[in-house]
C-alpha atoms as a PDB file:
ATOM      1  CA  MET A   1     -27.995  12.095  16.675  1.00  0.00           C
ATOM      2  CA  GLY A   2     -26.411   8.601  16.076  1.00  0.00           C
ATOM      3  CA  ARG A   3     -23.156   7.570  17.552  1.00  0.00           C
ATOM      4  CA  THR A   4     -20.290   7.265  14.972  1.00  0.00           C
ATOM      5  CA  ASN A   5     -17.527   4.688  15.202  1.00  0.00           C
ATOM      6  CA  THR A   6     -14.439   6.859  15.071  1.00  0.00           C
ATOM      7  CA  GLY A   7     -12.129   3.803  14.862  1.00  0.00           C
ATOM      8  CA  ASN A   8     -13.576   2.797  11.505  1.00  0.00           C
ATOM      9  CA  TRP A   9     -13.037   6.323  10.147  1.00  0.00           C
ATOM     10  CA  MET A  10      -9.576   6.559  11.501  1.00  0.00           C
ATOM     11  CA  THR A  11      -8.836   3.285   9.782  1.00  0.00           C
ATOM     12  CA  PHE A  12     -10.245   4.555   6.573  1.00  0.00           C
ATOM     13  CA  GLY A  13      -8.042   7.593   6.814  1.00  0.00           C
ATOM     14  CA  LEU A  14      -4.843   5.624   7.452  1.00  0.00           C
ATOM     15  CA  ASN A  15      -5.670   3.165   4.656  1.00  0.00           C
ATOM     16  CA  SER A  16      -6.524   6.018   2.280  1.00  0.00           C
ATOM     17  CA  TRP A  17      -3.168   7.705   3.064  1.00  0.00           C
ATOM     18  CA  MET A  18      -1.313   4.289   2.548  1.00  0.00           C
ATOM     19  CA  LEU A  19      -3.205   3.835  -0.729  1.00  0.00           C
ATOM     20  CA  GLY A  20      -1.992   7.200  -1.963  1.00  0.00           C
ATOM     21  CA  TYR A  21       1.595   6.428  -0.958  1.00  0.00           C
ATOM     22  CA  GLU A  22       1.556   2.896  -2.579  1.00  0.00           C
ATOM     23  CA  ALA A  23      -0.160   4.093  -5.667  1.00  0.00           C
ATOM     24  CA  ALA A  24       2.486   6.874  -6.181  1.00  0.00           C
ATOM     25  CA  THR A  25       5.138   4.136  -5.863  1.00  0.00           C
ATOM     26  CA  VAL A  26       3.406   2.133  -8.554  1.00  0.00           C
ATOM     27  CA  VAL A  27       3.134   5.231 -10.852  1.00  0.00           C
ATOM     28  CA  GLY A  28       6.829   5.836 -10.575  1.00  0.00           C
ATOM     29  CA  LEU A  29       7.654   2.225 -11.216  1.00  0.00           C
ATOM     30  CA  ARG A  30       5.359   2.110 -14.260  1.00  0.00           C
ATOM     31  CA  MET A  31       6.620   5.289 -15.747  1.00  0.00           C
ATOM     32  CA  ALA A  32      10.203   3.844 -15.471  1.00  0.00           C
ATOM     33  CA  LYS A  33       8.988   0.755 -17.336  1.00  0.00           C
ATOM     34  CA  LEU A  34       7.173   2.677 -19.912  1.00  0.00           C
ATOM     35  CA  ALA A  35      10.121   4.965 -20.474  1.00  0.00           C
ATOM     36  CA  MET A  36      12.301   1.879 -21.260  1.00  0.00           C
ATOM     37  CA  GLY A  37       9.999   1.059 -24.269  1.00  0.00           C
ATOM     38  CA  GLY A  38       9.819  -2.171 -25.985  1.00  0.00           C
ATOM     39  CA  PRO A  39       7.325  -5.043 -25.637  1.00  0.00           C
ATOM     40  CA  GLY A  40       7.329  -4.911 -21.800  1.00  0.00           C
ATOM     41  CA  ALA A  41       6.253  -1.423 -21.982  1.00  0.00           C
ATOM     42  CA  ALA A  42       3.369  -2.064 -24.320  1.00  0.00           C
ATOM     43  CA  GLN A  43       2.312  -4.978 -22.115  1.00  0.00           C
ATOM     44  CA  GLU A  44       2.325  -2.795 -19.107  1.00  0.00           C
ATOM     45  CA  ALA A  45       0.305  -0.046 -20.740  1.00  0.00           C
ATOM     46  CA  GLN A  46      -2.239  -2.610 -21.786  1.00  0.00           C
ATOM     47  CA  ARG A  47      -2.335  -4.118 -18.179  1.00  0.00           C
ATOM     48  CA  MET A  48      -2.835  -0.630 -16.692  1.00  0.00           C
ATOM     49  CA  VAL A  49      -6.009  -0.066 -18.627  1.00  0.00           C
ATOM     50  CA  THR A  50      -7.564  -3.534 -18.468  1.00  0.00           C
ATOM     51  CA  GLU A  51      -6.883  -3.887 -14.772  1.00  0.00           C
ATOM     52  CA  LYS A  52      -8.538  -0.580 -13.998  1.00  0.00           C
ATOM     53  CA  ILE A  53     -11.628  -1.597 -15.801  1.00  0.00           C
ATOM     54  CA  ALA A  54     -11.861  -4.996 -14.196  1.00  0.00           C
ATOM     55  CA  GLU A  55     -11.205  -3.555 -10.751  1.00  0.00           C
ATOM     56  CA  ALA A  56     -14.015  -0.929 -11.268  1.00  0.00           C
ATOM     57  CA  GLN A  57     -16.476  -3.535 -12.215  1.00  0.00           C
ATOM     58  CA  SER A  58     -15.488  -5.828  -9.380  1.00  0.00           C
ATOM     59  CA  LEU A  59     -15.845  -3.043  -6.853  1.00  0.00           C
ATOM     60  CA  ASN A  60     -19.185  -1.853  -8.282  1.00  0.00           C
ATOM     61  CA  LEU A  61     -20.534  -5.471  -8.158  1.00  0.00           C
ATOM     62  CA  ARG A  62     -19.540  -5.864  -4.595  1.00  0.00           C
ATOM     63  CA  ALA A  63     -21.118  -2.508  -3.668  1.00  0.00           C
ATOM     64  CA  MET A  64     -24.411  -3.283  -5.379  1.00  0.00           C
ATOM     65  CA  THR A  65     -24.627  -6.603  -3.694  1.00  0.00           C
ATOM     66  CA  GLY A  66     -23.756  -5.437  -0.191  1.00  0.00           C
ATOM     67  CA  ALA A  67     -20.509  -7.368  -0.132  1.00  0.00           C
ATOM     68  CA  LEU A  68     -18.695  -4.321   1.053  1.00  0.00           C
ATOM     69  CA  GLY A  69     -20.753  -3.880   4.228  1.00  0.00           C
ATOM     70  CA  GLN A  70     -23.781  -1.978   5.399  1.00  0.00           C
ATOM     71  CA  SER A  71     -22.474   1.158   7.084  1.00  0.00           C
ATOM     72  CA  PRO A  72     -20.809   3.916   5.339  1.00  0.00           C
ATOM     73  CA  ALA A  73     -17.498   3.444   7.256  1.00  0.00           C
ATOM     74  CA  ALA A  74     -17.608  -0.282   6.318  1.00  0.00           C
ATOM     75  CA  VAL A  75     -18.166   0.330   2.648  1.00  0.00           C
ATOM     76  CA  ALA A  76     -15.375   2.994   2.496  1.00  0.00           C
ATOM     77  CA  ASN A  77     -12.901   0.777   4.405  1.00  0.00           C
ATOM     78  CA  ALA A  78     -13.736  -2.296   2.310  1.00  0.00           C
ATOM     79  CA  SER A  79     -13.415  -0.281  -1.018  1.00  0.00           C
ATOM     80  CA  VAL A  80     -10.040   1.091  -0.006  1.00  0.00           C
ATOM     81  CA  GLN A  81      -8.756  -2.229   1.183  1.00  0.00           C
ATOM     82  CA  GLN A  82      -9.833  -3.930  -2.100  1.00  0.00           C
ATOM     83  CA  VAL A  83      -7.984  -1.317  -4.185  1.00  0.00           C
ATOM     84  CA  ARG A  84      -4.865  -1.508  -1.888  1.00  0.00           C
ATOM     85  CA  ARG A  85      -4.582  -5.202  -2.428  1.00  0.00           C
ATOM     86  CA  LYS A  86      -4.305  -4.621  -6.225  1.00  0.00           C
ATOM     87  CA  VAL A  87      -1.921  -1.763  -5.855  1.00  0.00           C
ATOM     88  CA  ARG A  88       0.391  -3.730  -3.470  1.00  0.00           C
ATOM     89  CA  ALA A  89       0.302  -6.677  -5.876  1.00  0.00           C
ATOM     90  CA  ASN A  90       1.355  -4.386  -8.745  1.00  0.00           C
ATOM     91  CA  ARG A  91       4.212  -2.906  -6.616  1.00  0.00           C
ATOM     92  CA  ARG A  92       5.602  -6.294  -5.797  1.00  0.00           C
ATOM     93  CA  ARG A  93       5.272  -7.408  -9.383  1.00  0.00           C
ATOM     94  CA  LEU A  94       7.056  -4.193 -10.737  1.00  0.00           C
ATOM     95  CA  LEU A  95       9.932  -4.546  -8.151  1.00  0.00           C
ATOM     96  CA  LYS A  96      10.686  -7.965  -9.197  1.00  0.00           C
ATOM     97  CA  ARG A  97      11.581  -6.996 -12.707  1.00  0.00           C
END
């Protein structure tokens, strides 16, 4: 049986937890923005859809080309990190307004 790198999976677990927390924050901020209505809400709704499609395509391309890593732990960590970067950027943007 092969040896596993527990540190990588522990990092993955922590990053996944943080992604959940950060995503929940973004959902709350977006809901508040949508509840206000107006052109800003329409723009945010459009952005939500287009950025999810773009991010899925980017992540898929990186996975198919091996850019996320070779081991399961590396791929899992790189995937979560890529999504976290987008979520954190959205959080910062939504908090500014």
